[in-house]
Amino acid sequence: MLQIKCFTFGPFETNCYVVSTDEQILLIDPACSNEFERQQLEQYITNLQSPISNLQLSIIATHGHLDHLWGAAWATSKWNTPVLMHEADIPMAKAMQSQYNLFGIRRTAEEFPIQPISNFQSPMTNVSILSTPGHTPGSVCLYFPESPISNLQSPILLSGDTLFRMGYGRTDLPGGNMGQLISSLERLFTLPADTVVYPGHGDFTTIGAERR
């Protein structure tokens, strides 16, 4: 059975998700910004990674903005695996200090290993990586067409900052493109209406509710 745990971390209240099955753990958007948040995330994942299961863990960023990567240096060191993200957002993530400077954040950027998400290999055979540019050039969503949680039989979309409850990602930051975002939303709105959407900020919603 697929499980999803949401943590809301950092000053931007960013949703960090841990998606797990009997085969793998996916850490989506390592947004933990301080020691307390890192401890919360580590404890939850440690409980999943029992000595018996020894589940494979992958770290995925839905895009390259700083609030989704606060904890990337820590997480990649802790679990000895790189952050996977779309090639188009890798330069943005590697220039993290410029993002801090843009927002007036007094923080020194830490380097962390990054690999293209095209290298992603998963025993979760029913997960698809959807390219949804607009908020950033390399924004992606993760789609699970058949993912039972408890007794709920509905598709699941982890939408990053592409689609929110009653909203969508801003396009006024470097790399944003409203035309691309509209096209990406139109593609997402072709998904089944009962698809449960877990966004990068705020509460969950459904595709049917957002395309009305």
C-alpha atoms as a PDB file:
ATOM      1  CA  MET A   1       0.000   0.000   0.000  1.00  0.00           C
ATOM      2  CA  LEU A   2       1.174   3.484  -0.807  1.00  0.00           C
ATOM      3  CA  GLN A   3       1.440   5.924   2.091  1.00  0.00           C
ATOM      4  CA  ILE A   4       1.857   9.698   1.955  1.00  0.00           C
ATOM      5  CA  LYS A   5       3.053  11.772   4.878  1.00  0.00           C
ATOM      6  CA  CYS A   6       3.072  15.570   4.607  1.00  0.00           C
ATOM      7  CA  PHE A   7       5.295  17.867   6.635  1.00  0.00           C
ATOM      8  CA  THR A   8       4.935  21.637   6.348  1.00  0.00           C
ATOM      9  CA  PHE A   9       8.350  23.205   6.822  1.00  0.00           C
ATOM     10  CA  GLY A  10      10.150  26.516   6.741  1.00  0.00           C
ATOM     11  CA  PRO A  11       9.225  30.207   6.620  1.00  0.00           C
ATOM     12  CA  PHE A  12       7.401  29.719   3.300  1.00  0.00           C
ATOM     13  CA  GLU A  13       5.257  26.893   4.769  1.00  0.00           C
ATOM     14  CA  THR A  14       6.371  24.461   2.092  1.00  0.00           C
ATOM     15  CA  ASN A  15       4.930  20.966   1.939  1.00  0.00           C
ATOM     16  CA  CYS A  16       7.506  18.192   2.072  1.00  0.00           C
ATOM     17  CA  TYR A  17       6.154  14.734   1.264  1.00  0.00           C
ATOM     18  CA  VAL A  18       7.379  11.255   2.094  1.00  0.00           C
ATOM     19  CA  VAL A  19       5.797   8.710  -0.236  1.00  0.00           C
ATOM     20  CA  SER A  20       6.447   5.102   0.662  1.00  0.00           C
ATOM     21  CA  THR A  21       5.547   1.597  -0.410  1.00  0.00           C
ATOM     22  CA  ASP A  22       6.946  -1.815   0.458  1.00  0.00           C
ATOM     23  CA  GLU A  23       9.627  -1.228  -2.174  1.00  0.00           C
ATOM     24  CA  GLN A  24      10.783   2.383  -1.910  1.00  0.00           C
ATOM     25  CA  ILE A  25      10.703   5.737  -0.136  1.00  0.00           C
ATOM     26  CA  LEU A  26      10.434   8.961  -2.104  1.00  0.00           C
ATOM     27  CA  LEU A  27      11.383  12.154  -0.281  1.00  0.00           C
ATOM     28  CA  ILE A  28       9.718  14.938  -2.256  1.00  0.00           C
ATOM     29  CA  ASP A  29      10.997  18.509  -1.761  1.00  0.00           C
ATOM     30  CA  PRO A  30      13.332  18.376   1.279  1.00  0.00           C
ATOM     31  CA  ALA A  31      12.119  21.702   2.683  1.00  0.00           C
ATOM     32  CA  CYS A  32      13.273  21.240   6.305  1.00  0.00           C
ATOM     33  CA  SER A  33      14.915  24.534   7.281  1.00  0.00           C
ATOM     34  CA  ASN A  34      16.133  23.951  10.840  1.00  0.00           C
ATOM     35  CA  GLU A  35      17.291  21.232  13.220  1.00  0.00           C
ATOM     36  CA  PHE A  36      13.853  20.569  14.705  1.00  0.00           C
ATOM     37  CA  GLU A  37      12.326  20.033  11.252  1.00  0.00           C
ATOM     38  CA  ARG A  38      15.232  17.817  10.200  1.00  0.00           C
ATOM     39  CA  GLN A  39      14.734  15.675  13.300  1.00  0.00           C
ATOM     40  CA  GLN A  40      11.021  15.277  12.531  1.00  0.00           C
ATOM     41  CA  LEU A  41      11.756  14.123   8.994  1.00  0.00           C
ATOM     42  CA  GLU A  42      14.620  11.849   9.990  1.00  0.00           C
ATOM     43  CA  GLN A  43      12.601  10.144  12.724  1.00  0.00           C
ATOM     44  CA  TYR A  44       9.698   9.407  10.398  1.00  0.00           C
ATOM     45  CA  ILE A  45      11.929   7.976   7.672  1.00  0.00           C
ATOM     46  CA  THR A  46      13.976   5.988  10.188  1.00  0.00           C
ATOM     47  CA  ASN A  47      10.787   4.329  11.410  1.00  0.00           C
ATOM     48  CA  LEU A  48      10.004   3.349   7.814  1.00  0.00           C
ATOM     49  CA  GLN A  49      13.515   2.048   7.208  1.00  0.00           C
ATOM     50  CA  SER A  50      13.526  -0.853   9.612  1.00  0.00           C
ATOM     51  CA  PRO A  51      16.523  -3.205   9.421  1.00  0.00           C
ATOM     52  CA  ILE A  52      14.234  -5.788   7.874  1.00  0.00           C
ATOM     53  CA  SER A  53      12.849  -3.599   5.104  1.00  0.00           C
ATOM     54  CA  ASN A  54      15.959  -1.510   4.242  1.00  0.00           C
ATOM     55  CA  LEU A  55      13.911   0.463   1.712  1.00  0.00           C
ATOM     56  CA  GLN A  56      15.601   2.307  -1.137  1.00  0.00           C
ATOM     57  CA  LEU A  57      15.272   6.098  -0.771  1.00  0.00           C
ATOM     58  CA  SER A  58      15.249   8.685  -3.547  1.00  0.00           C
ATOM     59  CA  ILE A  59      15.092  12.468  -3.182  1.00  0.00           C
ATOM     60  CA  ILE A  60      13.105  14.395  -5.795  1.00  0.00           C
ATOM     61  CA  ALA A  61      12.619  18.141  -6.158  1.00  0.00           C
ATOM     62  CA  THR A  62       9.504  19.296  -7.986  1.00  0.00           C
ATOM     63  CA  HIS A  63      11.488  22.398  -8.982  1.00  0.00           C
ATOM     64  CA  GLY A  64      14.577  24.381  -8.090  1.00  0.00           C
ATOM     65  CA  HIS A  65      13.274  27.118  -5.784  1.00  0.00           C
ATOM     66  CA  LEU A  66      15.003  27.636  -2.452  1.00  0.00           C
ATOM     67  CA  ASP A  67      12.023  26.915  -0.209  1.00  0.00           C
ATOM     68  CA  HIS A  68      11.755  23.390  -1.603  1.00  0.00           C
ATOM     69  CA  LEU A  69      15.468  22.746  -1.077  1.00  0.00           C
ATOM     70  CA  TRP A  70      16.274  24.196   2.364  1.00  0.00           C
ATOM     71  CA  GLY A  71      17.276  20.758   3.592  1.00  0.00           C
ATOM     72  CA  ALA A  72      18.806  19.375   0.408  1.00  0.00           C
ATOM     73  CA  ALA A  73      22.437  19.480   1.580  1.00  0.00           C
ATOM     74  CA  TRP A  74      21.527  17.769   4.841  1.00  0.00           C
ATOM     75  CA  ALA A  75      19.266  15.148   3.227  1.00  0.00           C
ATOM     76  CA  THR A  76      21.701  14.196   0.476  1.00  0.00           C
ATOM     77  CA  SER A  77      24.443  13.735   3.076  1.00  0.00           C
ATOM     78  CA  LYS A  78      22.183  11.858   5.482  1.00  0.00           C
ATOM     79  CA  TRP A  79      20.941   9.321   2.947  1.00  0.00           C
ATOM     80  CA  ASN A  80      23.903   9.423   0.555  1.00  0.00           C
ATOM     81  CA  THR A  81      21.826  10.052  -2.536  1.00  0.00           C
ATOM     82  CA  PRO A  82      21.504  13.063  -4.871  1.00  0.00           C
ATOM     83  CA  VAL A  83      18.531  15.303  -5.460  1.00  0.00           C
ATOM     84  CA  LEU A  84      16.814  14.427  -8.720  1.00  0.00           C
ATOM     85  CA  MET A  85      15.285  17.310 -10.649  1.00  0.00           C
ATOM     86  CA  HIS A  86      14.481  18.345 -14.192  1.00  0.00           C
ATOM     87  CA  GLU A  87      17.536  19.384 -16.161  1.00  0.00           C
ATOM     88  CA  ALA A  88      16.051  22.826 -16.863  1.00  0.00           C
ATOM     89  CA  ASP A  89      16.057  23.733 -13.147  1.00  0.00           C
ATOM     90  CA  ILE A  90      19.517  22.414 -12.264  1.00  0.00           C
ATOM     91  CA  PRO A  91      21.279  25.740 -13.051  1.00  0.00           C
ATOM     92  CA  MET A  92      18.779  27.534 -10.777  1.00  0.00           C
ATOM     93  CA  ALA A  93      19.436  25.104  -7.925  1.00  0.00           C
ATOM     94  CA  LYS A  94      23.194  25.406  -8.370  1.00  0.00           C
ATOM     95  CA  ALA A  95      22.859  29.205  -8.101  1.00  0.00           C
ATOM     96  CA  MET A  96      21.063  29.004  -4.749  1.00  0.00           C
ATOM     97  CA  GLN A  97      22.978  31.934  -3.291  1.00  0.00           C
ATOM     98  CA  SER A  98      21.456  34.249  -5.889  1.00  0.00           C
ATOM     99  CA  GLN A  99      17.990  33.109  -4.759  1.00  0.00           C
ATOM    100  CA  TYR A 100      18.861  33.901  -1.143  1.00  0.00           C
ATOM    101  CA  ASN A 101      20.077  37.311  -2.210  1.00  0.00           C
ATOM    102  CA  LEU A 102      16.921  37.964  -4.232  1.00  0.00           C
ATOM    103  CA  PHE A 103      14.732  37.391  -1.186  1.00  0.00           C
ATOM    104  CA  GLY A 104      17.089  39.153   1.206  1.00  0.00           C
ATOM    105  CA  ILE A 105      17.790  35.946   3.128  1.00  0.00           C
ATOM    106  CA  ARG A 106      20.984  36.081   5.153  1.00  0.00           C
ATOM    107  CA  ARG A 107      22.110  32.544   4.602  1.00  0.00           C
ATOM    108  CA  THR A 108      25.067  30.930   2.882  1.00  0.00           C
ATOM    109  CA  ALA A 109      24.081  28.387   0.263  1.00  0.00           C
ATOM    110  CA  GLU A 110      25.377  24.853   0.738  1.00  0.00           C
ATOM    111  CA  GLU A 111      26.248  22.756  -2.288  1.00  0.00           C
ATOM    112  CA  PHE A 112      24.535  19.409  -2.732  1.00  0.00           C
ATOM    113  CA  PRO A 113      24.697  16.705  -5.409  1.00  0.00           C
ATOM    114  CA  ILE A 114      22.097  16.913  -8.183  1.00  0.00           C
ATOM    115  CA  GLN A 115      21.279  14.531 -11.008  1.00  0.00           C
ATOM    116  CA  PRO A 116      18.755  14.816 -13.835  1.00  0.00           C
ATOM    117  CA  ILE A 117      15.414  13.289 -12.987  1.00  0.00           C
ATOM    118  CA  SER A 118      15.662  11.366 -16.253  1.00  0.00           C
ATOM    119  CA  ASN A 119      18.007   9.071 -14.264  1.00  0.00           C
ATOM    120  CA  PHE A 120      15.174   8.188 -11.876  1.00  0.00           C
ATOM    121  CA  GLN A 121      14.579   4.464 -11.571  1.00  0.00           C
ATOM    122  CA  SER A 122      11.863   3.234  -9.296  1.00  0.00           C
ATOM    123  CA  PRO A 123      10.367  -0.106  -8.306  1.00  0.00           C
ATOM    124  CA  MET A 124       7.130   1.894  -7.990  1.00  0.00           C
ATOM    125  CA  THR A 125       6.004   0.898 -11.445  1.00  0.00           C
ATOM    126  CA  ASN A 126       2.906   3.087 -11.336  1.00  0.00           C
ATOM    127  CA  VAL A 127       4.593   6.501 -10.849  1.00  0.00           C
ATOM    128  CA  SER A 128       5.031   8.932 -13.741  1.00  0.00           C
ATOM    129  CA  ILE A 129       7.080  12.130 -13.812  1.00  0.00           C
ATOM    130  CA  LEU A 130       5.101  14.828 -15.649  1.00  0.00           C
ATOM    131  CA  SER A 131       6.918  17.861 -17.045  1.00  0.00           C
ATOM    132  CA  THR A 132       4.847  20.956 -16.156  1.00  0.00           C
ATOM    133  CA  PRO A 133       6.887  24.088 -16.943  1.00  0.00           C
ATOM    134  CA  GLY A 134       5.609  27.551 -16.161  1.00  0.00           C
ATOM    135  CA  HIS A 135       6.277  28.251 -12.502  1.00  0.00           C
ATOM    136  CA  THR A 136       9.863  27.362 -13.377  1.00  0.00           C
ATOM    137  CA  PRO A 137      11.276  25.921 -16.618  1.00  0.00           C
ATOM    138  CA  GLY A 138      11.807  22.523 -15.010  1.00  0.00           C
ATOM    139  CA  SER A 139       8.764  22.120 -12.780  1.00  0.00           C
ATOM    140  CA  VAL A 140       7.501  18.536 -12.555  1.00  0.00           C
ATOM    141  CA  CYS A 141       4.589  16.694 -10.970  1.00  0.00           C
ATOM    142  CA  LEU A 142       4.469  13.084  -9.787  1.00  0.00           C
ATOM    143  CA  TYR A 143       1.401  11.118 -10.854  1.00  0.00           C
ATOM    144  CA  PHE A 144       0.182   7.821  -9.420  1.00  0.00           C
ATOM    145  CA  PRO A 145      -2.750   6.637 -11.586  1.00  0.00           C
ATOM    146  CA  GLU A 146      -3.802   3.869  -9.180  1.00  0.00           C
ATOM    147  CA  SER A 147      -2.643   4.465  -5.632  1.00  0.00           C
ATOM    148  CA  PRO A 148      -4.824   3.106  -2.834  1.00  0.00           C
ATOM    149  CA  ILE A 149      -4.455   4.957   0.456  1.00  0.00           C
ATOM    150  CA  SER A 150      -6.474   3.184   3.164  1.00  0.00           C
ATOM    151  CA  ASN A 151      -9.723   2.403   1.310  1.00  0.00           C
ATOM    152  CA  LEU A 152      -9.462   5.288  -1.146  1.00  0.00           C
ATOM    153  CA  GLN A 153      -9.051   4.187  -4.759  1.00  0.00           C
ATOM    154  CA  SER A 154      -8.156   7.439  -6.514  1.00  0.00           C
ATOM    155  CA  PRO A 155      -5.263   8.663  -8.643  1.00  0.00           C
ATOM    156  CA  ILE A 156      -2.790  10.932  -6.855  1.00  0.00           C
ATOM    157  CA  LEU A 157      -0.870  13.963  -8.114  1.00  0.00           C
ATOM    158  CA  LEU A 158       1.960  15.642  -6.231  1.00  0.00           C
ATOM    159  CA  SER A 159       1.816  18.968  -8.008  1.00  0.00           C
ATOM    160  CA  GLY A 160       4.662  21.008  -6.537  1.00  0.00           C
ATOM    161  CA  ASP A 161       3.997  24.694  -7.185  1.00  0.00           C
ATOM    162  CA  THR A 162       2.224  24.121 -10.501  1.00  0.00           C
ATOM    163  CA  LEU A 163      -1.274  23.689  -9.058  1.00  0.00           C
ATOM    164  CA  PHE A 164      -2.665  24.674  -5.660  1.00  0.00           C
ATOM    165  CA  ARG A 165      -6.070  24.548  -4.065  1.00  0.00           C
ATOM    166  CA  MET A 166      -7.869  27.463  -5.754  1.00  0.00           C
ATOM    167  CA  GLY A 167      -4.670  28.708  -7.349  1.00  0.00           C
ATOM    168  CA  TYR A 168      -1.453  28.055  -9.216  1.00  0.00           C
ATOM    169  CA  GLY A 169       2.221  28.945  -9.041  1.00  0.00           C
ATOM    170  CA  ARG A 170       3.443  32.480  -9.574  1.00  0.00           C
ATOM    171  CA  THR A 171       5.298  33.285 -12.783  1.00  0.00           C
ATOM    172  CA  ASP A 172       6.866  36.642 -11.890  1.00  0.00           C
ATOM    173  CA  LEU A 173      10.144  35.127 -10.657  1.00  0.00           C
ATOM    174  CA  PRO A 174      13.118  34.427 -12.963  1.00  0.00           C
ATOM    175  CA  GLY A 175      12.253  31.587 -15.336  1.00  0.00           C
ATOM    176  CA  GLY A 176       8.492  31.900 -14.870  1.00  0.00           C
ATOM    177  CA  ASN A 177       6.306  31.799 -17.957  1.00  0.00           C
ATOM    178  CA  MET A 178       2.521  32.253 -17.805  1.00  0.00           C
ATOM    179  CA  GLY A 179       1.903  30.807 -21.262  1.00  0.00           C
ATOM    180  CA  GLN A 180       3.762  27.616 -20.352  1.00  0.00           C
ATOM    181  CA  LEU A 181       1.957  27.409 -17.020  1.00  0.00           C
ATOM    182  CA  ILE A 182      -1.449  27.657 -18.681  1.00  0.00           C
ATOM    183  CA  SER A 183      -0.484  24.854 -21.068  1.00  0.00           C
ATOM    184  CA  SER A 184       0.725  22.732 -18.140  1.00  0.00           C
ATOM    185  CA  LEU A 185      -2.516  23.309 -16.228  1.00  0.00           C
ATOM    186  CA  GLU A 186      -4.562  22.378 -19.283  1.00  0.00           C
ATOM    187  CA  ARG A 187      -2.695  19.065 -19.458  1.00  0.00           C
ATOM    188  CA  LEU A 188      -3.220  18.397 -15.760  1.00  0.00           C
ATOM    189  CA  PHE A 189      -6.925  19.123 -16.126  1.00  0.00           C
ATOM    190  CA  THR A 190      -7.212  16.150 -18.509  1.00  0.00           C
ATOM    191  CA  LEU A 191      -6.464  13.824 -15.569  1.00  0.00           C
ATOM    192  CA  PRO A 192      -9.418  12.063 -13.920  1.00  0.00           C
ATOM    193  CA  ALA A 193     -11.637  14.397 -11.889  1.00  0.00           C
ATOM    194  CA  ASP A 194     -11.170  12.344  -8.710  1.00  0.00           C
ATOM    195  CA  THR A 195      -7.376  12.702  -8.815  1.00  0.00           C
ATOM    196  CA  VAL A 196      -6.284  13.881  -5.359  1.00  0.00           C
ATOM    197  CA  VAL A 197      -3.822  16.773  -5.623  1.00  0.00           C
ATOM    198  CA  TYR A 198      -1.128  17.248  -2.990  1.00  0.00           C
ATOM    199  CA  PRO A 199       0.411  20.691  -3.675  1.00  0.00           C
ATOM    200  CA  GLY A 200       3.682  22.319  -2.653  1.00  0.00           C
ATOM    201  CA  HIS A 201       1.824  24.756  -0.395  1.00  0.00           C
ATOM    202  CA  GLY A 202      -1.574  24.632   1.290  1.00  0.00           C
ATOM    203  CA  ASP A 203      -4.238  21.960   1.545  1.00  0.00           C
ATOM    204  CA  PHE A 204      -4.987  19.103  -0.806  1.00  0.00           C
ATOM    205  CA  THR A 205      -7.658  19.341  -3.495  1.00  0.00           C
ATOM    206  CA  THR A 206      -8.829  17.404  -6.560  1.00  0.00           C
ATOM    207  CA  ILE A 207      -8.480  17.929 -10.280  1.00  0.00           C
ATOM    208  CA  GLY A 208     -12.268  18.114 -10.602  1.00  0.00           C
ATOM    209  CA  ALA A 209     -12.515  20.912  -8.038  1.00  0.00           C
ATOM    210  CA  GLU A 210      -9.794  22.983  -9.697  1.00  0.00           C
ATOM    211  CA  ARG A 211     -10.880  22.731 -13.316  1.00  0.00           C
ATOM    212  CA  ARG A 212     -14.415  24.058 -12.717  1.00  0.00           C
END
